[in-house]
């Protein structure tokens, strides 16, 4: 008898807490059961600036839709590398993502123009291009593919880092095996600089440097730091050979499910989250020398 009373008491307490939670969500204007639950793929680590931007985006969308739309961020490459993510995005296997223009250019070749080596004088120059008429022209090319562009991201400047010897001039690059993104433009760039281009998935760079199957790589300082590549590549050359823009994207299949009002909310949240990342200053390649991590710098 006593056990029955205890069980009933626990049952009533559980129901009470459940109802109280529902009332709290209603009071805060959030729906207890979302109408949509979407996935957001991010290949960088949880604490990387673009990952933080993704979480901010998801938070803003949930708040401004009253909880009707929930976006679950899967960081750390849980859903694959950027190339695999883009493939899934096109048939709706993934709903949202942030990717570099390098793999995206394999789908829309015109985007290669925006990441040509030594093209921008700095971040302000790049944003003047992306936020203006030129940027709108390139967004128009997305009409050919089942992908909806949401906002631009600043991926910072890319620099070389190597394991055994520093790169100080073009002569040093001859014969070096340099990891690049899976991008025809970046492969051609390395070959023209005298190095051997080795396309490699981002999550394989550390082990490739460790095994010696590549001599170096090129990426932004936050990537070099967050993945601890400095442990296996102690020389970092601040040449800023390219500034590759990035984009937040939605699957067109996902996009077409949404009302015009929700589409507008999501687009605004994407742009706001992108500005939040920019303001942190963490993705500005020129500031990397002052970051106090182990490594030898060449210029």
C-alpha atoms as a PDB file:
ATOM      1  CA  UNK A   1       0.000   0.000   0.000  1.00  0.00           C
ATOM      2  CA  UNK A   2       2.752   2.379   0.914  1.00  0.00           C
ATOM      3  CA  UNK A   3       4.611   1.557  -2.306  1.00  0.00           C
ATOM      4  CA  UNK A   4       1.488   2.343  -4.305  1.00  0.00           C
ATOM      5  CA  UNK A   5       1.140   5.733  -2.606  1.00  0.00           C
ATOM      6  CA  UNK A   6       4.808   6.523  -3.258  1.00  0.00           C
ATOM      7  CA  UNK A   7       4.411   5.573  -6.923  1.00  0.00           C
ATOM      8  CA  UNK A   8       1.311   7.763  -7.259  1.00  0.00           C
ATOM      9  CA  UNK A   9       3.130  10.624  -5.584  1.00  0.00           C
ATOM     10  CA  UNK A  10       6.045  10.391  -7.977  1.00  0.00           C
ATOM     11  CA  UNK A  11       3.691  10.139 -10.944  1.00  0.00           C
ATOM     12  CA  UNK A  12       1.751  13.261  -9.929  1.00  0.00           C
ATOM     13  CA  UNK A  13       5.010  15.132  -9.250  1.00  0.00           C
ATOM     14  CA  UNK A  14       6.289  14.226 -12.714  1.00  0.00           C
ATOM     15  CA  UNK A  15       3.072  15.401 -14.364  1.00  0.00           C
ATOM     16  CA  UNK A  16       3.185  18.625 -12.368  1.00  0.00           C
ATOM     17  CA  UNK A  17       6.748  19.396 -13.466  1.00  0.00           C
ATOM     18  CA  UNK A  18       5.877  18.596 -17.072  1.00  0.00           C
ATOM     19  CA  UNK A  19       2.892  20.928 -17.050  1.00  0.00           C
ATOM     20  CA  UNK A  20       4.897  23.610 -15.255  1.00  0.00           C
ATOM     21  CA  UNK A  21       7.564  23.382 -17.957  1.00  0.00           C
ATOM     22  CA  UNK A  22       4.944  23.736 -20.679  1.00  0.00           C
ATOM     23  CA  UNK A  23       3.446  26.787 -18.940  1.00  0.00           C
ATOM     24  CA  UNK A  24       6.917  28.318 -18.629  1.00  0.00           C
ATOM     25  CA  UNK A  25       7.568  27.837 -22.363  1.00  0.00           C
ATOM     26  CA  UNK A  26       4.173  29.364 -23.181  1.00  0.00           C
ATOM     27  CA  UNK A  27       4.939  32.295 -20.892  1.00  0.00           C
ATOM     28  CA  UNK A  28       8.250  32.871 -22.699  1.00  0.00           C
ATOM     29  CA  UNK A  29       6.527  32.650 -26.071  1.00  0.00           C
ATOM     30  CA  UNK A  30       8.220  29.368 -27.066  1.00  0.00           C
ATOM     31  CA  UNK A  31       6.406  26.387 -28.515  1.00  0.00           C
ATOM     32  CA  UNK A  32       6.887  23.198 -26.482  1.00  0.00           C
ATOM     33  CA  UNK A  33       6.822  21.110 -29.681  1.00  0.00           C
ATOM     34  CA  UNK A  34       8.690  22.596 -32.686  1.00  0.00           C
ATOM     35  CA  UNK A  35       7.003  22.500 -36.073  1.00  0.00           C
ATOM     36  CA  UNK A  36      10.359  21.894 -37.776  1.00  0.00           C
ATOM     37  CA  UNK A  37      13.608  20.356 -36.529  1.00  0.00           C
ATOM     38  CA  UNK A  38      16.526  20.991 -38.899  1.00  0.00           C
ATOM     39  CA  UNK A  39      20.209  20.039 -38.973  1.00  0.00           C
ATOM     40  CA  UNK A  40      23.135  22.437 -39.368  1.00  0.00           C
ATOM     41  CA  UNK A  41      26.476  20.894 -40.409  1.00  0.00           C
ATOM     42  CA  UNK A  42      29.750  22.541 -39.351  1.00  0.00           C
ATOM     43  CA  UNK A  43      33.114  20.868 -39.960  1.00  0.00           C
ATOM     44  CA  UNK A  44      35.014  23.034 -37.454  1.00  0.00           C
ATOM     45  CA  UNK A  45      35.408  22.395 -33.712  1.00  0.00           C
ATOM     46  CA  UNK A  46      32.743  23.373 -31.160  1.00  0.00           C
ATOM     47  CA  UNK A  47      34.595  26.500 -30.005  1.00  0.00           C
ATOM     48  CA  UNK A  48      35.666  27.693 -33.475  1.00  0.00           C
ATOM     49  CA  UNK A  49      34.313  31.140 -34.488  1.00  0.00           C
ATOM     50  CA  UNK A  50      32.111  29.800 -37.293  1.00  0.00           C
ATOM     51  CA  UNK A  51      30.700  27.107 -34.986  1.00  0.00           C
ATOM     52  CA  UNK A  52      29.837  29.778 -32.431  1.00  0.00           C
ATOM     53  CA  UNK A  53      28.143  31.668 -35.261  1.00  0.00           C
ATOM     54  CA  UNK A  54      26.113  28.562 -36.105  1.00  0.00           C
ATOM     55  CA  UNK A  55      24.921  28.230 -32.506  1.00  0.00           C
ATOM     56  CA  UNK A  56      24.030  31.926 -32.468  1.00  0.00           C
ATOM     57  CA  UNK A  57      22.069  31.465 -35.701  1.00  0.00           C
ATOM     58  CA  UNK A  58      20.127  28.526 -34.230  1.00  0.00           C
ATOM     59  CA  UNK A  59      19.379  30.493 -31.059  1.00  0.00           C
ATOM     60  CA  UNK A  60      18.101  33.526 -32.979  1.00  0.00           C
ATOM     61  CA  UNK A  61      15.864  31.406 -35.203  1.00  0.00           C
ATOM     62  CA  UNK A  62      14.330  29.618 -32.205  1.00  0.00           C
ATOM     63  CA  UNK A  63      13.677  32.899 -30.397  1.00  0.00           C
ATOM     64  CA  UNK A  64      12.161  34.719 -33.360  1.00  0.00           C
ATOM     65  CA  UNK A  65       9.924  31.850 -34.424  1.00  0.00           C
ATOM     66  CA  UNK A  66       8.696  31.278 -30.883  1.00  0.00           C
ATOM     67  CA  UNK A  67      10.247  27.817 -30.836  1.00  0.00           C
ATOM     68  CA  UNK A  68       8.437  26.654 -33.975  1.00  0.00           C
ATOM     69  CA  UNK A  69      11.763  26.111 -35.767  1.00  0.00           C
ATOM     70  CA  UNK A  70      14.600  24.296 -34.027  1.00  0.00           C
ATOM     71  CA  UNK A  71      18.029  24.008 -35.647  1.00  0.00           C
ATOM     72  CA  UNK A  72      20.394  21.387 -34.239  1.00  0.00           C
ATOM     73  CA  UNK A  73      24.043  22.240 -34.860  1.00  0.00           C
ATOM     74  CA  UNK A  74      26.368  19.288 -35.525  1.00  0.00           C
ATOM     75  CA  UNK A  75      29.908  20.681 -35.217  1.00  0.00           C
ATOM     76  CA  UNK A  76      33.298  18.986 -35.382  1.00  0.00           C
ATOM     77  CA  UNK A  77      32.668  17.342 -38.756  1.00  0.00           C
ATOM     78  CA  UNK A  78      30.092  14.902 -37.367  1.00  0.00           C
ATOM     79  CA  UNK A  79      28.194  14.987 -40.675  1.00  0.00           C
ATOM     80  CA  UNK A  80      31.271  14.784 -42.904  1.00  0.00           C
ATOM     81  CA  UNK A  81      33.731  17.120 -44.579  1.00  0.00           C
ATOM     82  CA  UNK A  82      32.585  20.137 -46.586  1.00  0.00           C
ATOM     83  CA  UNK A  83      32.431  18.253 -49.870  1.00  0.00           C
ATOM     84  CA  UNK A  84      30.222  15.523 -48.361  1.00  0.00           C
ATOM     85  CA  UNK A  85      28.091  18.160 -46.639  1.00  0.00           C
ATOM     86  CA  UNK A  86      27.458  19.966 -49.932  1.00  0.00           C
ATOM     87  CA  UNK A  87      26.384  16.721 -51.578  1.00  0.00           C
ATOM     88  CA  UNK A  88      23.882  16.028 -48.790  1.00  0.00           C
ATOM     89  CA  UNK A  89      22.671  19.620 -48.799  1.00  0.00           C
ATOM     90  CA  UNK A  90      21.582  19.356 -52.432  1.00  0.00           C
ATOM     91  CA  UNK A  91      19.159  16.485 -51.815  1.00  0.00           C
ATOM     92  CA  UNK A  92      17.963  17.659 -48.402  1.00  0.00           C
ATOM     93  CA  UNK A  93      19.954  15.238 -46.234  1.00  0.00           C
ATOM     94  CA  UNK A  94      21.307  18.302 -44.412  1.00  0.00           C
ATOM     95  CA  UNK A  95      19.269  21.481 -43.991  1.00  0.00           C
ATOM     96  CA  UNK A  96      21.818  24.233 -43.221  1.00  0.00           C
ATOM     97  CA  UNK A  97      25.585  24.627 -43.272  1.00  0.00           C
ATOM     98  CA  UNK A  98      28.552  26.978 -43.446  1.00  0.00           C
ATOM     99  CA  UNK A  99      31.207  26.150 -46.032  1.00  0.00           C
ATOM    100  CA  UNK A 100      34.239  27.691 -47.679  1.00  0.00           C
ATOM    101  CA  UNK A 101      33.962  28.898 -51.263  1.00  0.00           C
ATOM    102  CA  UNK A 102      36.751  26.477 -52.266  1.00  0.00           C
ATOM    103  CA  UNK A 103      34.634  23.273 -52.318  1.00  0.00           C
ATOM    104  CA  UNK A 104      31.547  25.289 -53.252  1.00  0.00           C
ATOM    105  CA  UNK A 105      33.354  26.462 -56.400  1.00  0.00           C
ATOM    106  CA  UNK A 106      33.436  22.879 -57.642  1.00  0.00           C
ATOM    107  CA  UNK A 107      29.648  23.217 -57.987  1.00  0.00           C
ATOM    108  CA  UNK A 108      29.548  26.875 -59.075  1.00  0.00           C
ATOM    109  CA  UNK A 109      32.881  27.527 -60.891  1.00  0.00           C
ATOM    110  CA  UNK A 110      32.270  31.292 -61.133  1.00  0.00           C
ATOM    111  CA  UNK A 111      32.895  31.573 -57.377  1.00  0.00           C
ATOM    112  CA  UNK A 112      36.589  30.920 -58.027  1.00  0.00           C
ATOM    113  CA  UNK A 113      36.894  34.574 -58.996  1.00  0.00           C
ATOM    114  CA  UNK A 114      36.155  35.652 -55.399  1.00  0.00           C
ATOM    115  CA  UNK A 115      39.081  33.659 -53.984  1.00  0.00           C
ATOM    116  CA  UNK A 116      41.888  34.412 -56.404  1.00  0.00           C
ATOM    117  CA  UNK A 117      45.305  34.672 -54.687  1.00  0.00           C
ATOM    118  CA  UNK A 118      46.430  38.107 -53.479  1.00  0.00           C
ATOM    119  CA  UNK A 119      43.243  39.761 -54.778  1.00  0.00           C
ATOM    120  CA  UNK A 120      42.005  41.662 -51.683  1.00  0.00           C
ATOM    121  CA  UNK A 121      43.917  44.392 -49.896  1.00  0.00           C
ATOM    122  CA  UNK A 122      42.195  43.440 -46.641  1.00  0.00           C
ATOM    123  CA  UNK A 123      38.915  42.571 -44.933  1.00  0.00           C
ATOM    124  CA  UNK A 124      37.264  45.913 -45.730  1.00  0.00           C
ATOM    125  CA  UNK A 125      38.048  45.486 -49.416  1.00  0.00           C
ATOM    126  CA  UNK A 126      36.555  41.983 -49.433  1.00  0.00           C
ATOM    127  CA  UNK A 127      33.343  43.091 -47.693  1.00  0.00           C
ATOM    128  CA  UNK A 128      32.976  45.993 -50.125  1.00  0.00           C
ATOM    129  CA  UNK A 129      32.987  43.425 -52.922  1.00  0.00           C
ATOM    130  CA  UNK A 130      30.675  40.893 -51.250  1.00  0.00           C
ATOM    131  CA  UNK A 131      28.107  43.371 -49.918  1.00  0.00           C
ATOM    132  CA  UNK A 132      27.874  45.288 -53.171  1.00  0.00           C
ATOM    133  CA  UNK A 133      26.730  44.777 -56.734  1.00  0.00           C
ATOM    134  CA  UNK A 134      29.507  42.273 -57.455  1.00  0.00           C
ATOM    135  CA  UNK A 135      28.429  40.051 -54.561  1.00  0.00           C
ATOM    136  CA  UNK A 136      24.816  40.132 -55.729  1.00  0.00           C
ATOM    137  CA  UNK A 137      25.927  39.029 -59.185  1.00  0.00           C
ATOM    138  CA  UNK A 138      27.621  35.948 -57.769  1.00  0.00           C
ATOM    139  CA  UNK A 139      24.617  35.119 -55.574  1.00  0.00           C
ATOM    140  CA  UNK A 140      22.609  34.985 -58.810  1.00  0.00           C
ATOM    141  CA  UNK A 141      24.609  31.935 -59.944  1.00  0.00           C
ATOM    142  CA  UNK A 142      22.948  29.877 -57.183  1.00  0.00           C
ATOM    143  CA  UNK A 143      19.762  29.786 -59.266  1.00  0.00           C
ATOM    144  CA  UNK A 144      21.320  26.864 -61.161  1.00  0.00           C
ATOM    145  CA  UNK A 145      21.692  24.636 -58.085  1.00  0.00           C
ATOM    146  CA  UNK A 146      19.339  23.393 -55.308  1.00  0.00           C
ATOM    147  CA  UNK A 147      21.071  25.566 -52.694  1.00  0.00           C
ATOM    148  CA  UNK A 148      19.822  28.793 -51.094  1.00  0.00           C
ATOM    149  CA  UNK A 149      22.548  31.324 -50.096  1.00  0.00           C
ATOM    150  CA  UNK A 150      21.865  33.027 -46.749  1.00  0.00           C
ATOM    151  CA  UNK A 151      24.908  35.120 -45.798  1.00  0.00           C
ATOM    152  CA  UNK A 152      28.608  35.670 -46.427  1.00  0.00           C
ATOM    153  CA  UNK A 153      31.270  34.827 -43.836  1.00  0.00           C
ATOM    154  CA  UNK A 154      34.833  36.098 -43.501  1.00  0.00           C
ATOM    155  CA  UNK A 155      37.102  33.055 -43.338  1.00  0.00           C
ATOM    156  CA  UNK A 156      40.201  35.150 -42.666  1.00  0.00           C
ATOM    157  CA  UNK A 157      43.469  34.955 -44.572  1.00  0.00           C
ATOM    158  CA  UNK A 158      45.213  31.696 -45.382  1.00  0.00           C
ATOM    159  CA  UNK A 159      48.921  31.204 -44.725  1.00  0.00           C
ATOM    160  CA  UNK A 160      51.441  28.391 -45.127  1.00  0.00           C
ATOM    161  CA  UNK A 161      52.708  26.207 -42.289  1.00  0.00           C
ATOM    162  CA  UNK A 162      55.296  23.470 -42.549  1.00  0.00           C
ATOM    163  CA  UNK A 163      56.894  20.719 -40.487  1.00  0.00           C
ATOM    164  CA  UNK A 164      60.632  20.718 -41.178  1.00  0.00           C
ATOM    165  CA  UNK A 165      61.718  23.963 -42.832  1.00  0.00           C
ATOM    166  CA  UNK A 166      60.050  27.386 -43.101  1.00  0.00           C
ATOM    167  CA  UNK A 167      58.843  28.901 -46.351  1.00  0.00           C
ATOM    168  CA  UNK A 168      60.601  32.228 -46.876  1.00  0.00           C
ATOM    169  CA  UNK A 169      60.531  32.478 -50.672  1.00  0.00           C
ATOM    170  CA  UNK A 170      59.320  30.632 -53.763  1.00  0.00           C
ATOM    171  CA  UNK A 171      62.498  28.571 -53.940  1.00  0.00           C
ATOM    172  CA  UNK A 172      61.632  26.995 -50.582  1.00  0.00           C
ATOM    173  CA  UNK A 173      58.339  25.695 -51.975  1.00  0.00           C
ATOM    174  CA  UNK A 174      59.820  23.663 -54.797  1.00  0.00           C
ATOM    175  CA  UNK A 175      58.963  19.996 -54.386  1.00  0.00           C
ATOM    176  CA  UNK A 176      57.050  20.518 -51.106  1.00  0.00           C
ATOM    177  CA  UNK A 177      53.883  18.462 -50.670  1.00  0.00           C
ATOM    178  CA  UNK A 178      51.282  20.990 -49.497  1.00  0.00           C
ATOM    179  CA  UNK A 179      47.791  20.035 -48.367  1.00  0.00           C
ATOM    180  CA  UNK A 180      45.040  22.020 -50.073  1.00  0.00           C
ATOM    181  CA  UNK A 181      41.261  21.971 -50.004  1.00  0.00           C
ATOM    182  CA  UNK A 182      39.461  19.866 -52.570  1.00  0.00           C
ATOM    183  CA  UNK A 183      39.493  22.759 -55.018  1.00  0.00           C
ATOM    184  CA  UNK A 184      40.813  22.932 -58.575  1.00  0.00           C
ATOM    185  CA  UNK A 185      41.836  26.565 -58.063  1.00  0.00           C
ATOM    186  CA  UNK A 186      43.912  25.809 -54.963  1.00  0.00           C
ATOM    187  CA  UNK A 187      45.531  22.805 -56.640  1.00  0.00           C
ATOM    188  CA  UNK A 188      46.524  24.928 -59.634  1.00  0.00           C
ATOM    189  CA  UNK A 189      47.812  27.684 -57.310  1.00  0.00           C
ATOM    190  CA  UNK A 190      50.154  25.311 -55.482  1.00  0.00           C
ATOM    191  CA  UNK A 191      51.452  23.850 -58.727  1.00  0.00           C
ATOM    192  CA  UNK A 192      52.192  27.329 -60.104  1.00  0.00           C
ATOM    193  CA  UNK A 193      54.067  28.190 -56.895  1.00  0.00           C
ATOM    194  CA  UNK A 194      56.278  25.153 -57.451  1.00  0.00           C
ATOM    195  CA  UNK A 195      54.796  22.858 -54.803  1.00  0.00           C
ATOM    196  CA  UNK A 196      52.930  19.578 -55.142  1.00  0.00           C
ATOM    197  CA  UNK A 197      49.244  19.975 -54.265  1.00  0.00           C
ATOM    198  CA  UNK A 198      47.804  17.209 -52.055  1.00  0.00           C
ATOM    199  CA  UNK A 199      43.994  17.505 -51.680  1.00  0.00           C
ATOM    200  CA  UNK A 200      43.143  16.233 -48.200  1.00  0.00           C
ATOM    201  CA  UNK A 201      40.072  16.353 -45.968  1.00  0.00           C
ATOM    202  CA  UNK A 202      40.468  18.856 -43.127  1.00  0.00           C
ATOM    203  CA  UNK A 203      40.197  16.231 -40.382  1.00  0.00           C
ATOM    204  CA  UNK A 204      43.082  14.280 -41.939  1.00  0.00           C
ATOM    205  CA  UNK A 205      45.623  17.131 -41.968  1.00  0.00           C
ATOM    206  CA  UNK A 206      47.078  16.507 -38.490  1.00  0.00           C
ATOM    207  CA  UNK A 207      47.736  12.804 -39.103  1.00  0.00           C
ATOM    208  CA  UNK A 208      49.131  13.520 -42.592  1.00  0.00           C
ATOM    209  CA  UNK A 209      51.596  16.034 -41.145  1.00  0.00           C
ATOM    210  CA  UNK A 210      52.471  13.616 -38.363  1.00  0.00           C
ATOM    211  CA  UNK A 211      53.135  10.730 -40.767  1.00  0.00           C
ATOM    212  CA  UNK A 212      55.067  12.943 -43.169  1.00  0.00           C
ATOM    213  CA  UNK A 213      52.819  12.224 -46.141  1.00  0.00           C
ATOM    214  CA  UNK A 214      52.624  16.014 -46.549  1.00  0.00           C
ATOM    215  CA  UNK A 215      55.275  18.634 -45.755  1.00  0.00           C
ATOM    216  CA  UNK A 216      52.862  21.419 -44.914  1.00  0.00           C
ATOM    217  CA  UNK A 217      49.443  22.938 -45.352  1.00  0.00           C
ATOM    218  CA  UNK A 218      47.787  26.313 -45.781  1.00  0.00           C
ATOM    219  CA  UNK A 219      44.973  27.664 -43.670  1.00  0.00           C
ATOM    220  CA  UNK A 220      43.911  30.460 -41.336  1.00  0.00           C
ATOM    221  CA  UNK A 221      45.429  30.879 -37.876  1.00  0.00           C
ATOM    222  CA  UNK A 222      42.247  29.807 -36.003  1.00  0.00           C
ATOM    223  CA  UNK A 223      42.290  26.497 -37.893  1.00  0.00           C
ATOM    224  CA  UNK A 224      46.009  26.008 -37.224  1.00  0.00           C
ATOM    225  CA  UNK A 225      45.397  26.708 -33.543  1.00  0.00           C
ATOM    226  CA  UNK A 226      42.121  24.925 -32.884  1.00  0.00           C
ATOM    227  CA  UNK A 227      43.258  21.676 -34.511  1.00  0.00           C
ATOM    228  CA  UNK A 228      46.696  21.888 -32.803  1.00  0.00           C
ATOM    229  CA  UNK A 229      48.512  21.661 -36.117  1.00  0.00           C
ATOM    230  CA  UNK A 230      51.342  23.615 -34.473  1.00  0.00           C
ATOM    231  CA  UNK A 231      52.264  20.377 -32.686  1.00  0.00           C
ATOM    232  CA  UNK A 232      53.311  18.804 -35.990  1.00  0.00           C
ATOM    233  CA  UNK A 233      54.050  21.908 -38.097  1.00  0.00           C
ATOM    234  CA  UNK A 234      56.024  24.482 -36.143  1.00  0.00           C
ATOM    235  CA  UNK A 235      56.762  26.939 -38.952  1.00  0.00           C
ATOM    236  CA  UNK A 236      54.021  29.442 -39.873  1.00  0.00           C
ATOM    237  CA  UNK A 237      54.596  31.817 -42.811  1.00  0.00           C
ATOM    238  CA  UNK A 238      52.463  34.967 -42.762  1.00  0.00           C
ATOM    239  CA  UNK A 239      52.110  35.505 -46.499  1.00  0.00           C
ATOM    240  CA  UNK A 240      48.282  35.897 -46.621  1.00  0.00           C
ATOM    241  CA  UNK A 241      48.247  34.412 -50.109  1.00  0.00           C
ATOM    242  CA  UNK A 242      44.482  34.225 -50.227  1.00  0.00           C
ATOM    243  CA  UNK A 243      41.362  35.365 -48.396  1.00  0.00           C
ATOM    244  CA  UNK A 244      38.613  32.849 -49.071  1.00  0.00           C
ATOM    245  CA  UNK A 245      35.056  34.011 -48.316  1.00  0.00           C
ATOM    246  CA  UNK A 246      32.645  31.525 -46.787  1.00  0.00           C
ATOM    247  CA  UNK A 247      28.857  31.222 -46.893  1.00  0.00           C
ATOM    248  CA  UNK A 248      25.923  30.076 -44.793  1.00  0.00           C
ATOM    249  CA  UNK A 249      23.620  27.997 -46.953  1.00  0.00           C
ATOM    250  CA  UNK A 250      20.269  26.225 -46.855  1.00  0.00           C
ATOM    251  CA  UNK A 251      19.079  23.253 -48.839  1.00  0.00           C
ATOM    252  CA  UNK A 252      16.547  24.394 -51.431  1.00  0.00           C
ATOM    253  CA  UNK A 253      14.377  21.427 -50.476  1.00  0.00           C
ATOM    254  CA  UNK A 254      14.295  22.676 -46.879  1.00  0.00           C
ATOM    255  CA  UNK A 255      13.816  26.280 -47.985  1.00  0.00           C
ATOM    256  CA  UNK A 256      10.727  25.439 -50.046  1.00  0.00           C
ATOM    257  CA  UNK A 257       9.013  23.957 -46.962  1.00  0.00           C
ATOM    258  CA  UNK A 258       9.036  27.327 -45.211  1.00  0.00           C
ATOM    259  CA  UNK A 259       6.634  30.232 -45.440  1.00  0.00           C
ATOM    260  CA  UNK A 260       7.832  33.559 -46.852  1.00  0.00           C
ATOM    261  CA  UNK A 261       7.742  34.984 -43.315  1.00  0.00           C
ATOM    262  CA  UNK A 262       9.947  32.198 -41.926  1.00  0.00           C
ATOM    263  CA  UNK A 263      12.335  32.513 -44.854  1.00  0.00           C
ATOM    264  CA  UNK A 264      12.760  36.192 -44.081  1.00  0.00           C
ATOM    265  CA  UNK A 265      13.381  35.471 -40.379  1.00  0.00           C
ATOM    266  CA  UNK A 266      15.998  32.842 -41.187  1.00  0.00           C
ATOM    267  CA  UNK A 267      17.782  35.095 -43.677  1.00  0.00           C
ATOM    268  CA  UNK A 268      17.910  37.936 -41.130  1.00  0.00           C
ATOM    269  CA  UNK A 269      19.194  35.595 -38.405  1.00  0.00           C
ATOM    270  CA  UNK A 270      21.878  34.241 -40.738  1.00  0.00           C
ATOM    271  CA  UNK A 271      23.153  37.720 -41.530  1.00  0.00           C
ATOM    272  CA  UNK A 272      23.074  38.758 -37.880  1.00  0.00           C
ATOM    273  CA  UNK A 273      25.027  35.675 -36.793  1.00  0.00           C
ATOM    274  CA  UNK A 274      27.611  36.321 -39.517  1.00  0.00           C
ATOM    275  CA  UNK A 275      28.169  39.865 -38.248  1.00  0.00           C
ATOM    276  CA  UNK A 276      28.499  38.515 -34.698  1.00  0.00           C
ATOM    277  CA  UNK A 277      31.358  36.259 -35.848  1.00  0.00           C
ATOM    278  CA  UNK A 278      33.043  39.106 -37.690  1.00  0.00           C
ATOM    279  CA  UNK A 279      32.921  41.341 -34.618  1.00  0.00           C
ATOM    280  CA  UNK A 280      34.780  38.815 -32.484  1.00  0.00           C
ATOM    281  CA  UNK A 281      37.902  39.500 -34.536  1.00  0.00           C
ATOM    282  CA  UNK A 282      38.875  35.833 -34.262  1.00  0.00           C
ATOM    283  CA  UNK A 283      38.846  35.141 -37.974  1.00  0.00           C
ATOM    284  CA  UNK A 284      40.998  38.069 -39.059  1.00  0.00           C
ATOM    285  CA  UNK A 285      44.154  36.453 -40.367  1.00  0.00           C
ATOM    286  CA  UNK A 286      46.347  39.533 -39.902  1.00  0.00           C
ATOM    287  CA  UNK A 287      46.000  39.358 -36.124  1.00  0.00           C
ATOM    288  CA  UNK A 288      47.272  35.815 -35.794  1.00  0.00           C
ATOM    289  CA  UNK A 289      50.874  36.691 -35.037  1.00  0.00           C
ATOM    290  CA  UNK A 290      49.898  38.148 -31.680  1.00  0.00           C
ATOM    291  CA  UNK A 291      48.043  35.054 -30.486  1.00  0.00           C
ATOM    292  CA  UNK A 292      50.822  33.647 -28.285  1.00  0.00           C
ATOM    293  CA  UNK A 293      50.733  30.020 -29.455  1.00  0.00           C
ATOM    294  CA  UNK A 294      53.861  27.888 -30.002  1.00  0.00           C
ATOM    295  CA  UNK A 295      55.426  28.229 -33.429  1.00  0.00           C
ATOM    296  CA  UNK A 296      58.139  29.904 -35.489  1.00  0.00           C
ATOM    297  CA  UNK A 297      57.040  32.699 -37.784  1.00  0.00           C
ATOM    298  CA  UNK A 298      58.461  33.534 -41.163  1.00  0.00           C
ATOM    299  CA  UNK A 299      57.474  36.485 -43.313  1.00  0.00           C
END
